[in-house]
């Protein structure tokens, strides 16, 4: 795989697969237009600009962008919630929620998605005291499911008809112990 992120905050240059260099850093307001554009280009579930701004203002350390040669290549937007554990039934926990992740097609499979996820999960643990993290993913999205499994996620539930087109979603969750 290339180099894996080690920092908790600030800009960090990473060499991905094939020697492609990219920078990951916290989202800032100058990234908003690019992130909205990526969201609309690669995901069928789109959010209004204010939704991204709210997450940035509430959880700035866990909203991460990736840049290749100055171009925004991807992002991950996360938040932290209190609720029932997805891993330890019957426990109330502080848990991270990967709300949205998107990487432009030309920048996939070089380690950007992996590094965005690792950096965001570390931030949720270290800055916001989450002990686990979860996300929803289309049952048909095999590449994303494979990425999440590499990061330690397991499928814990299925939500029937979760997406607007009626497709089911897996709820996948992971402990943040190793992050």
N, C-alpha and C. Protein backbone atom coordinates (compact mmCIF):
# COMPACT_ATOMS: atom_id res chain seq x y z
N UNK A 1 0.87 -1.17 0.00
CA UNK A 1 0.00 0.00 0.00
C UNK A 1 0.89 1.20 0.00
N UNK A 2 1.12 2.16 0.07
CA UNK A 2 2.09 3.22 0.24
C UNK A 2 2.20 3.55 1.71
N UNK A 3 2.55 4.74 1.97
CA UNK A 3 2.70 5.22 3.34
C UNK A 3 1.31 5.44 3.94
N UNK A 4 1.20 5.13 5.24
CA UNK A 4 -0.07 5.36 5.93
C UNK A 4 0.09 6.56 6.86
N UNK A 5 -0.93 7.39 6.90
CA UNK A 5 -0.92 8.59 7.73
C UNK A 5 -0.51 8.29 9.16
N UNK A 6 0.27 9.21 9.71
CA UNK A 6 0.72 9.08 11.10
C UNK A 6 0.29 10.25 11.96
N UNK A 7 -0.07 11.37 11.33
CA UNK A 7 -0.40 12.58 12.07
C UNK A 7 -1.84 12.56 12.58
N UNK A 8 -2.08 13.37 13.58
CA UNK A 8 -3.44 13.56 14.09
C UNK A 8 -4.08 14.83 13.54
N UNK A 9 -3.25 15.78 13.11
CA UNK A 9 -3.79 17.03 12.59
C UNK A 9 -2.76 17.70 11.70
N UNK A 10 -3.23 18.70 10.95
CA UNK A 10 -2.36 19.43 10.05
C UNK A 10 -2.22 18.72 8.71
N UNK A 11 -1.51 19.36 7.80
CA UNK A 11 -1.29 18.80 6.47
C UNK A 11 -0.20 17.73 6.53
N UNK A 12 -0.38 16.67 5.78
CA UNK A 12 0.58 15.58 5.75
C UNK A 12 0.68 15.04 4.33
N UNK A 13 1.89 14.98 3.81
CA UNK A 13 2.08 14.42 2.47
C UNK A 13 2.29 12.91 2.58
N UNK A 14 1.62 12.20 1.71
CA UNK A 14 1.66 10.73 1.71
C UNK A 14 1.97 10.26 0.29
N UNK A 15 2.80 9.23 0.19
CA UNK A 15 3.07 8.61 -1.10
C UNK A 15 2.21 7.35 -1.18
N UNK A 16 1.29 7.35 -2.13
CA UNK A 16 0.37 6.23 -2.30
C UNK A 16 0.89 5.22 -3.31
N UNK A 17 0.03 4.30 -3.66
CA UNK A 17 0.38 3.28 -4.65
C UNK A 17 0.80 3.94 -5.95
N UNK A 18 1.79 3.34 -6.59
CA UNK A 18 2.28 3.88 -7.85
C UNK A 18 3.08 5.16 -7.69
N UNK A 19 3.43 5.50 -6.46
CA UNK A 19 4.23 6.70 -6.22
C UNK A 19 3.45 8.00 -6.27
N UNK A 20 2.12 7.91 -6.37
CA UNK A 20 1.31 9.13 -6.41
C UNK A 20 1.37 9.81 -5.04
N UNK A 21 1.71 11.08 -5.05
CA UNK A 21 1.79 11.84 -3.80
C UNK A 21 0.51 12.63 -3.61
N UNK A 22 0.02 12.62 -2.38
CA UNK A 22 -1.17 13.41 -2.06
C UNK A 22 -1.02 13.96 -0.66
N UNK A 23 -1.80 14.99 -0.39
CA UNK A 23 -1.80 15.63 0.93
C UNK A 23 -3.15 15.40 1.56
N UNK A 24 -3.16 15.02 2.83
CA UNK A 24 -4.42 14.99 3.58
C UNK A 24 -4.32 16.03 4.68
N UNK A 25 -5.48 16.66 4.94
CA UNK A 25 -5.54 17.74 5.93
C UNK A 25 -6.98 17.92 6.35
N UNK A 26 -7.18 18.70 7.40
CA UNK A 26 -8.53 19.02 7.82
C UNK A 26 -9.19 19.90 6.75
N UNK A 27 -10.47 19.67 6.55
CA UNK A 27 -11.30 20.52 5.69
C UNK A 27 -11.26 21.94 6.21
N UNK A 28 -11.24 22.91 5.31
CA UNK A 28 -11.51 24.30 5.70
C UNK A 28 -12.49 24.87 4.68
N UNK A 29 -13.02 26.04 4.98
CA UNK A 29 -14.11 26.57 4.16
C UNK A 29 -13.73 26.77 2.70
N UNK A 30 -12.46 26.93 2.41
CA UNK A 30 -12.04 27.06 1.00
C UNK A 30 -12.23 25.74 0.23
N UNK A 31 -12.42 24.63 0.95
CA UNK A 31 -12.63 23.32 0.31
C UNK A 31 -14.10 23.03 0.03
N UNK A 32 -15.01 23.87 0.52
CA UNK A 32 -16.44 23.56 0.46
C UNK A 32 -16.95 23.28 -0.95
N UNK A 33 -16.65 24.16 -1.88
CA UNK A 33 -17.15 23.98 -3.24
C UNK A 33 -16.67 22.66 -3.85
N UNK A 34 -15.39 22.35 -3.66
CA UNK A 34 -14.83 21.10 -4.20
C UNK A 34 -15.48 19.87 -3.56
N UNK A 35 -15.68 19.92 -2.25
CA UNK A 35 -16.27 18.77 -1.55
C UNK A 35 -17.72 18.55 -2.02
N UNK A 36 -18.48 19.62 -2.15
CA UNK A 36 -19.86 19.50 -2.64
C UNK A 36 -19.85 18.92 -4.06
N UNK A 37 -18.91 19.39 -4.90
CA UNK A 37 -18.81 18.89 -6.27
C UNK A 37 -18.48 17.39 -6.28
N UNK A 38 -17.54 16.96 -5.44
CA UNK A 38 -17.19 15.53 -5.37
C UNK A 38 -18.39 14.72 -4.89
N UNK A 39 -19.06 15.20 -3.85
CA UNK A 39 -20.24 14.51 -3.34
C UNK A 39 -21.27 14.30 -4.45
N UNK A 40 -21.54 15.32 -5.22
CA UNK A 40 -22.53 15.23 -6.30
C UNK A 40 -22.05 14.33 -7.44
N UNK A 41 -20.74 14.32 -7.69
CA UNK A 41 -20.19 13.54 -8.81
C UNK A 41 -20.13 12.04 -8.52
N UNK A 42 -19.85 11.66 -7.27
CA UNK A 42 -19.56 10.24 -7.02
C UNK A 42 -20.59 9.52 -6.15
N UNK A 43 -21.52 10.26 -5.54
CA UNK A 43 -22.50 9.60 -4.66
C UNK A 43 -23.92 9.97 -5.07
N UNK A 44 -24.82 9.00 -5.02
CA UNK A 44 -26.21 9.33 -5.33
C UNK A 44 -26.90 10.10 -4.20
N UNK A 45 -26.39 10.03 -2.99
CA UNK A 45 -26.95 10.77 -1.85
C UNK A 45 -26.20 12.07 -1.72
N UNK A 46 -26.86 13.16 -1.99
CA UNK A 46 -26.22 14.47 -1.96
C UNK A 46 -26.73 15.30 -0.80
N UNK A 47 -25.85 16.15 -0.29
CA UNK A 47 -26.18 16.99 0.85
C UNK A 47 -26.05 18.46 0.44
N UNK A 48 -26.86 19.33 1.05
CA UNK A 48 -26.71 20.76 0.79
C UNK A 48 -25.43 21.29 1.45
N UNK A 49 -24.94 22.40 0.95
CA UNK A 49 -23.69 22.98 1.45
C UNK A 49 -23.71 23.16 2.96
N UNK A 50 -24.84 23.63 3.51
CA UNK A 50 -24.88 23.91 4.96
C UNK A 50 -24.64 22.65 5.79
N UNK A 51 -24.99 21.46 5.26
CA UNK A 51 -24.78 20.21 5.98
C UNK A 51 -23.28 19.97 6.18
N UNK A 52 -22.49 20.23 5.15
CA UNK A 52 -21.03 20.10 5.26
C UNK A 52 -20.48 21.13 6.24
N UNK A 53 -20.99 22.35 6.17
CA UNK A 53 -20.52 23.41 7.07
C UNK A 53 -20.82 23.05 8.52
N UNK A 54 -22.01 22.53 8.80
CA UNK A 54 -22.37 22.13 10.17
C UNK A 54 -21.41 21.08 10.71
N UNK A 55 -21.06 20.08 9.88
CA UNK A 55 -20.13 19.04 10.34
C UNK A 55 -18.73 19.62 10.56
N UNK A 56 -18.33 20.52 9.69
CA UNK A 56 -17.03 21.17 9.86
C UNK A 56 -16.99 21.95 11.17
N UNK A 57 -18.02 22.71 11.45
CA UNK A 57 -18.04 23.51 12.67
C UNK A 57 -18.11 22.65 13.92
N UNK A 58 -18.82 21.53 13.87
CA UNK A 58 -18.98 20.67 15.04
C UNK A 58 -17.81 19.72 15.28
N UNK A 59 -17.23 19.18 14.19
CA UNK A 59 -16.18 18.16 14.31
C UNK A 59 -15.05 18.44 13.30
N UNK A 60 -14.39 19.60 13.43
CA UNK A 60 -13.41 20.01 12.42
C UNK A 60 -12.22 19.06 12.27
N UNK A 61 -11.82 18.40 13.33
CA UNK A 61 -10.65 17.52 13.25
C UNK A 61 -10.96 16.20 12.54
N UNK A 62 -12.24 15.86 12.40
CA UNK A 62 -12.62 14.58 11.79
C UNK A 62 -13.16 14.73 10.37
N UNK A 63 -13.12 15.93 9.82
CA UNK A 63 -13.56 16.21 8.45
C UNK A 63 -12.28 16.44 7.65
N UNK A 64 -11.91 15.46 6.82
CA UNK A 64 -10.60 15.43 6.19
C UNK A 64 -10.74 15.47 4.67
N UNK A 65 -9.83 16.20 4.02
CA UNK A 65 -9.78 16.22 2.56
C UNK A 65 -8.42 15.73 2.08
N UNK A 66 -8.40 15.25 0.83
CA UNK A 66 -7.16 14.83 0.17
C UNK A 66 -6.97 15.66 -1.08
N UNK A 67 -5.73 16.05 -1.33
CA UNK A 67 -5.41 16.87 -2.51
C UNK A 67 -4.27 16.22 -3.27
N UNK A 68 -4.41 16.21 -4.60
CA UNK A 68 -3.36 15.74 -5.49
C UNK A 68 -3.01 16.91 -6.40
N UNK A 69 -1.76 17.35 -6.36
CA UNK A 69 -1.32 18.50 -7.16
C UNK A 69 -2.27 19.69 -7.01
N UNK A 70 -2.71 19.94 -5.79
CA UNK A 70 -3.58 21.08 -5.52
C UNK A 70 -5.06 20.86 -5.79
N UNK A 71 -5.41 19.75 -6.45
CA UNK A 71 -6.81 19.45 -6.75
C UNK A 71 -7.40 18.59 -5.62
N UNK A 72 -8.58 18.96 -5.16
CA UNK A 72 -9.25 18.15 -4.15
C UNK A 72 -9.67 16.83 -4.80
N UNK A 73 -9.17 15.74 -4.25
CA UNK A 73 -9.39 14.41 -4.82
C UNK A 73 -10.41 13.59 -4.05
N UNK A 74 -10.63 13.94 -2.78
CA UNK A 74 -11.57 13.19 -1.97
C UNK A 74 -11.75 13.83 -0.61
N UNK A 75 -12.73 13.28 0.13
CA UNK A 75 -13.03 13.81 1.47
C UNK A 75 -13.69 12.71 2.29
N UNK A 76 -13.65 12.88 3.59
CA UNK A 76 -14.46 12.10 4.51
C UNK A 76 -15.02 13.06 5.55
N UNK A 77 -16.34 12.98 5.76
CA UNK A 77 -17.03 13.84 6.73
C UNK A 77 -17.60 12.94 7.83
N UNK A 78 -17.25 13.27 9.06
CA UNK A 78 -17.64 12.43 10.19
C UNK A 78 -18.20 13.27 11.33
N UNK A 79 -18.86 12.58 12.24
CA UNK A 79 -19.34 13.22 13.46
C UNK A 79 -19.25 12.21 14.59
N UNK A 80 -19.50 12.66 15.82
CA UNK A 80 -19.49 11.78 16.98
C UNK A 80 -20.82 11.93 17.69
N UNK A 81 -21.36 10.80 18.12
CA UNK A 81 -22.69 10.74 18.73
C UNK A 81 -22.63 9.88 20.00
N UNK A 82 -23.63 10.03 20.84
CA UNK A 82 -23.85 9.09 21.94
C UNK A 82 -24.96 8.15 21.50
N UNK A 83 -24.83 6.88 21.79
CA UNK A 83 -25.90 5.95 21.43
C UNK A 83 -25.53 4.53 21.78
N UNK A 84 -26.41 3.62 21.38
CA UNK A 84 -26.19 2.21 21.64
C UNK A 84 -24.98 1.72 20.85
N UNK A 85 -24.15 0.96 21.50
CA UNK A 85 -22.97 0.40 20.84
C UNK A 85 -23.40 -0.54 19.73
N UNK A 86 -22.67 -0.50 18.63
CA UNK A 86 -22.88 -1.46 17.55
C UNK A 86 -22.04 -2.71 17.76
N UNK A 87 -21.13 -2.67 18.72
CA UNK A 87 -20.22 -3.79 18.95
C UNK A 87 -20.43 -4.50 20.28
N UNK A 88 -20.90 -3.76 21.29
CA UNK A 88 -21.14 -4.34 22.62
C UNK A 88 -22.60 -4.10 22.97
N UNK A 89 -23.42 -5.03 22.63
CA UNK A 89 -24.87 -4.89 22.82
C UNK A 89 -25.21 -4.50 24.25
N UNK A 90 -26.12 -3.55 24.37
CA UNK A 90 -26.58 -3.13 25.69
C UNK A 90 -25.76 -2.02 26.31
N UNK A 91 -24.71 -1.56 25.62
CA UNK A 91 -23.86 -0.49 26.16
C UNK A 91 -24.14 0.82 25.42
N UNK A 92 -24.11 1.90 26.18
CA UNK A 92 -24.20 3.24 25.58
C UNK A 92 -22.76 3.74 25.43
N UNK A 93 -22.43 4.23 24.25
CA UNK A 93 -21.05 4.64 23.99
C UNK A 93 -21.03 5.96 23.23
N UNK A 94 -19.85 6.54 23.21
CA UNK A 94 -19.56 7.67 22.33
C UNK A 94 -19.00 7.03 21.07
N UNK A 95 -19.68 7.25 19.94
CA UNK A 95 -19.26 6.55 18.73
C UNK A 95 -19.15 7.51 17.55
N UNK A 96 -18.15 7.24 16.73
CA UNK A 96 -17.97 8.00 15.51
C UNK A 96 -18.93 7.50 14.45
N UNK A 97 -19.28 8.39 13.54
CA UNK A 97 -20.16 8.05 12.42
C UNK A 97 -19.53 8.62 11.16
N UNK A 98 -19.13 7.75 10.26
CA UNK A 98 -18.66 8.19 8.95
C UNK A 98 -19.92 8.55 8.16
N UNK A 99 -20.17 9.82 7.99
CA UNK A 99 -21.40 10.28 7.34
C UNK A 99 -21.29 10.17 5.83
N UNK A 100 -20.13 10.55 5.29
CA UNK A 100 -19.96 10.54 3.84
C UNK A 100 -18.48 10.48 3.50
N UNK A 101 -18.14 9.66 2.51
CA UNK A 101 -16.78 9.61 1.98
C UNK A 101 -16.89 9.52 0.48
N UNK A 102 -16.06 10.28 -0.21
CA UNK A 102 -16.05 10.25 -1.67
C UNK A 102 -14.66 10.53 -2.20
N UNK A 103 -14.25 9.75 -3.20
CA UNK A 103 -12.97 9.95 -3.88
C UNK A 103 -13.26 9.96 -5.38
N UNK A 104 -12.73 10.95 -6.07
CA UNK A 104 -12.92 11.02 -7.52
C UNK A 104 -12.37 9.75 -8.18
N UNK A 105 -13.05 9.24 -9.21
CA UNK A 105 -12.64 7.96 -9.82
C UNK A 105 -11.17 7.90 -10.25
N UNK A 106 -10.63 8.98 -10.78
CA UNK A 106 -9.25 8.95 -11.26
C UNK A 106 -8.22 8.86 -10.13
N UNK A 107 -8.67 9.02 -8.88
CA UNK A 107 -7.77 8.96 -7.73
C UNK A 107 -8.04 7.76 -6.83
N UNK A 108 -8.81 6.81 -7.31
CA UNK A 108 -9.12 5.63 -6.49
C UNK A 108 -8.01 4.59 -6.60
N UNK A 109 -7.96 3.74 -5.59
CA UNK A 109 -7.06 2.58 -5.56
C UNK A 109 -5.59 2.95 -5.43
N UNK A 110 -5.33 4.14 -4.84
CA UNK A 110 -3.94 4.51 -4.58
C UNK A 110 -3.69 4.77 -3.09
N UNK A 111 -4.75 4.62 -2.28
CA UNK A 111 -4.60 4.77 -0.83
C UNK A 111 -5.24 6.01 -0.25
N UNK A 112 -5.89 6.82 -1.08
CA UNK A 112 -6.52 8.04 -0.56
C UNK A 112 -7.68 7.71 0.37
N UNK A 113 -8.60 6.86 -0.05
CA UNK A 113 -9.74 6.50 0.79
C UNK A 113 -9.30 5.90 2.11
N UNK A 114 -8.33 4.99 2.05
CA UNK A 114 -7.81 4.33 3.25
C UNK A 114 -7.27 5.38 4.22
N UNK A 115 -6.43 6.30 3.71
CA UNK A 115 -5.82 7.31 4.57
C UNK A 115 -6.83 8.32 5.10
N UNK A 116 -7.81 8.69 4.29
CA UNK A 116 -8.88 9.56 4.79
C UNK A 116 -9.58 8.91 5.97
N UNK A 117 -9.91 7.63 5.82
CA UNK A 117 -10.61 6.91 6.89
C UNK A 117 -9.75 6.82 8.16
N UNK A 118 -8.48 6.44 8.00
CA UNK A 118 -7.61 6.30 9.18
C UNK A 118 -7.48 7.62 9.91
N UNK A 119 -7.24 8.69 9.17
CA UNK A 119 -7.06 10.01 9.81
C UNK A 119 -8.34 10.44 10.54
N UNK A 120 -9.50 10.23 9.90
CA UNK A 120 -10.76 10.62 10.52
C UNK A 120 -11.05 9.77 11.76
N UNK A 121 -10.80 8.46 11.68
CA UNK A 121 -11.05 7.59 12.83
C UNK A 121 -10.13 7.95 13.99
N UNK A 122 -8.87 8.25 13.71
CA UNK A 122 -7.96 8.69 14.78
C UNK A 122 -8.48 9.97 15.44
N UNK A 123 -8.94 10.90 14.61
CA UNK A 123 -9.45 12.17 15.15
C UNK A 123 -10.67 11.93 16.04
N UNK A 124 -11.57 11.04 15.59
CA UNK A 124 -12.77 10.77 16.40
C UNK A 124 -12.38 10.20 17.75
N UNK A 125 -11.34 9.36 17.77
CA UNK A 125 -10.90 8.77 19.04
C UNK A 125 -10.15 9.80 19.90
N UNK A 126 -9.17 10.45 19.34
CA UNK A 126 -8.28 11.29 20.13
C UNK A 126 -8.85 12.66 20.49
N UNK A 127 -9.60 13.28 19.58
CA UNK A 127 -10.12 14.61 19.86
C UNK A 127 -11.54 14.59 20.43
N UNK A 128 -12.32 13.56 20.04
CA UNK A 128 -13.74 13.54 20.42
C UNK A 128 -14.10 12.34 21.29
N UNK A 129 -13.10 11.55 21.68
CA UNK A 129 -13.25 10.48 22.68
C UNK A 129 -14.22 9.36 22.28
N UNK A 130 -14.33 9.09 20.98
CA UNK A 130 -15.16 7.96 20.53
C UNK A 130 -14.42 6.65 20.77
N UNK A 131 -15.16 5.60 21.10
CA UNK A 131 -14.54 4.30 21.33
C UNK A 131 -14.78 3.33 20.16
N UNK A 132 -15.75 3.67 19.31
CA UNK A 132 -16.02 2.84 18.14
C UNK A 132 -16.55 3.76 17.04
N UNK A 133 -16.70 3.20 15.85
CA UNK A 133 -17.15 3.98 14.71
C UNK A 133 -18.06 3.11 13.86
N UNK A 134 -19.00 3.74 13.16
CA UNK A 134 -19.88 2.98 12.27
C UNK A 134 -20.18 3.79 11.03
N UNK A 135 -20.74 3.11 10.04
CA UNK A 135 -21.14 3.74 8.79
C UNK A 135 -22.21 2.89 8.13
N UNK A 136 -22.87 3.49 7.14
CA UNK A 136 -23.81 2.76 6.30
C UNK A 136 -23.19 2.65 4.92
N UNK A 137 -23.36 1.50 4.28
CA UNK A 137 -22.82 1.29 2.94
C UNK A 137 -23.79 0.44 2.14
N UNK A 138 -23.93 0.76 0.86
CA UNK A 138 -24.80 -0.02 -0.02
C UNK A 138 -24.32 -1.47 -0.05
N UNK A 139 -25.26 -2.40 0.02
CA UNK A 139 -24.88 -3.82 0.00
C UNK A 139 -24.18 -4.20 -1.30
N UNK A 140 -24.40 -3.43 -2.37
CA UNK A 140 -23.78 -3.72 -3.66
C UNK A 140 -22.40 -3.08 -3.84
N UNK A 141 -21.97 -2.25 -2.90
CA UNK A 141 -20.72 -1.51 -3.06
C UNK A 141 -19.53 -2.34 -2.56
N UNK A 142 -19.17 -3.33 -3.34
CA UNK A 142 -18.11 -4.27 -2.94
C UNK A 142 -16.76 -3.60 -2.69
N UNK A 143 -16.33 -2.64 -3.54
CA UNK A 143 -15.03 -2.00 -3.26
C UNK A 143 -15.01 -1.28 -1.91
N UNK A 144 -16.07 -0.57 -1.58
CA UNK A 144 -16.12 0.13 -0.29
C UNK A 144 -16.15 -0.87 0.86
N UNK A 145 -16.95 -1.91 0.75
CA UNK A 145 -17.03 -2.92 1.81
C UNK A 145 -15.66 -3.54 2.04
N UNK A 146 -14.93 -3.82 0.97
CA UNK A 146 -13.59 -4.39 1.08
C UNK A 146 -12.65 -3.42 1.82
N UNK A 147 -12.71 -2.13 1.48
CA UNK A 147 -11.90 -1.12 2.17
C UNK A 147 -12.22 -1.11 3.66
N UNK A 148 -13.51 -1.09 3.99
CA UNK A 148 -13.90 -1.02 5.39
C UNK A 148 -13.46 -2.27 6.16
N UNK A 149 -13.53 -3.42 5.53
CA UNK A 149 -13.08 -4.66 6.18
C UNK A 149 -11.57 -4.60 6.46
N UNK A 150 -10.80 -4.02 5.54
CA UNK A 150 -9.35 -3.85 5.76
C UNK A 150 -9.08 -2.97 6.98
N UNK A 151 -10.00 -2.07 7.26
CA UNK A 151 -9.85 -1.16 8.39
C UNK A 151 -10.42 -1.74 9.69
N UNK A 152 -10.90 -2.98 9.63
CA UNK A 152 -11.39 -3.63 10.84
C UNK A 152 -12.89 -3.59 11.05
N UNK A 153 -13.64 -3.08 10.08
CA UNK A 153 -15.10 -3.03 10.20
C UNK A 153 -15.71 -4.40 9.98
N UNK A 154 -16.80 -4.65 10.70
CA UNK A 154 -17.60 -5.86 10.51
C UNK A 154 -19.05 -5.44 10.28
N UNK A 155 -19.77 -6.25 9.54
CA UNK A 155 -21.19 -5.98 9.30
C UNK A 155 -21.96 -6.35 10.55
N UNK A 156 -22.74 -5.41 11.07
CA UNK A 156 -23.48 -5.66 12.31
C UNK A 156 -24.99 -5.66 12.11
N UNK A 157 -25.46 -5.15 10.97
CA UNK A 157 -26.90 -5.10 10.73
C UNK A 157 -27.16 -4.75 9.27
N UNK A 158 -28.41 -4.90 8.86
CA UNK A 158 -28.87 -4.50 7.53
C UNK A 158 -30.08 -3.60 7.72
N UNK A 159 -30.10 -2.49 6.98
CA UNK A 159 -31.28 -1.62 6.98
C UNK A 159 -31.94 -1.79 5.63
N UNK A 160 -33.12 -2.38 5.65
CA UNK A 160 -33.86 -2.62 4.41
C UNK A 160 -34.32 -1.29 3.80
N UNK A 161 -34.11 -1.14 2.49
CA UNK A 161 -34.60 0.02 1.77
C UNK A 161 -34.02 1.35 2.24
N UNK A 162 -32.81 1.35 2.75
CA UNK A 162 -32.20 2.55 3.33
C UNK A 162 -32.02 3.69 2.32
N UNK A 163 -31.64 3.33 1.12
CA UNK A 163 -31.34 4.36 0.11
C UNK A 163 -32.58 4.74 -0.68
N UNK A 164 -32.54 5.95 -1.26
CA UNK A 164 -33.69 6.49 -1.99
C UNK A 164 -34.19 5.56 -3.09
N UNK A 165 -33.28 4.80 -3.69
CA UNK A 165 -33.67 3.89 -4.76
C UNK A 165 -34.14 2.53 -4.24
N UNK A 166 -34.22 2.40 -2.91
CA UNK A 166 -34.71 1.17 -2.30
C UNK A 166 -33.65 0.15 -1.94
N UNK A 167 -32.39 0.41 -2.30
CA UNK A 167 -31.33 -0.55 -1.98
C UNK A 167 -31.11 -0.60 -0.46
N UNK A 168 -30.76 -1.80 0.01
CA UNK A 168 -30.45 -2.01 1.42
C UNK A 168 -29.06 -1.47 1.75
N UNK A 169 -28.83 -1.20 3.03
CA UNK A 169 -27.52 -0.78 3.52
C UNK A 169 -27.06 -1.74 4.60
N UNK A 170 -25.78 -2.03 4.59
CA UNK A 170 -25.16 -2.68 5.73
C UNK A 170 -24.78 -1.59 6.72
N UNK A 171 -24.95 -1.87 8.00
CA UNK A 171 -24.30 -1.06 9.02
C UNK A 171 -23.02 -1.81 9.36
N UNK A 172 -21.90 -1.13 9.20
CA UNK A 172 -20.61 -1.73 9.52
C UNK A 172 -20.01 -0.92 10.66
N UNK A 173 -19.32 -1.59 11.57
CA UNK A 173 -18.76 -0.93 12.73
C UNK A 173 -17.38 -1.48 13.04
N UNK A 174 -16.58 -0.66 13.71
CA UNK A 174 -15.22 -1.06 14.11
C UNK A 174 -14.88 -0.43 15.44
N UNK A 175 -14.07 -1.12 16.20
CA UNK A 175 -13.51 -0.57 17.43
C UNK A 175 -12.42 0.43 17.05
N UNK A 176 -12.26 1.46 17.85
CA UNK A 176 -11.20 2.42 17.62
C UNK A 176 -9.97 2.14 18.50
N UNK A 177 -9.95 0.99 19.15
CA UNK A 177 -8.85 0.64 20.05
C UNK A 177 -7.48 0.77 19.38
N UNK A 178 -7.34 0.28 18.16
CA UNK A 178 -6.01 0.27 17.51
C UNK A 178 -5.66 1.59 16.82
N UNK A 179 -6.58 2.54 16.90
CA UNK A 179 -6.33 3.83 16.26
C UNK A 179 -5.94 4.85 17.28
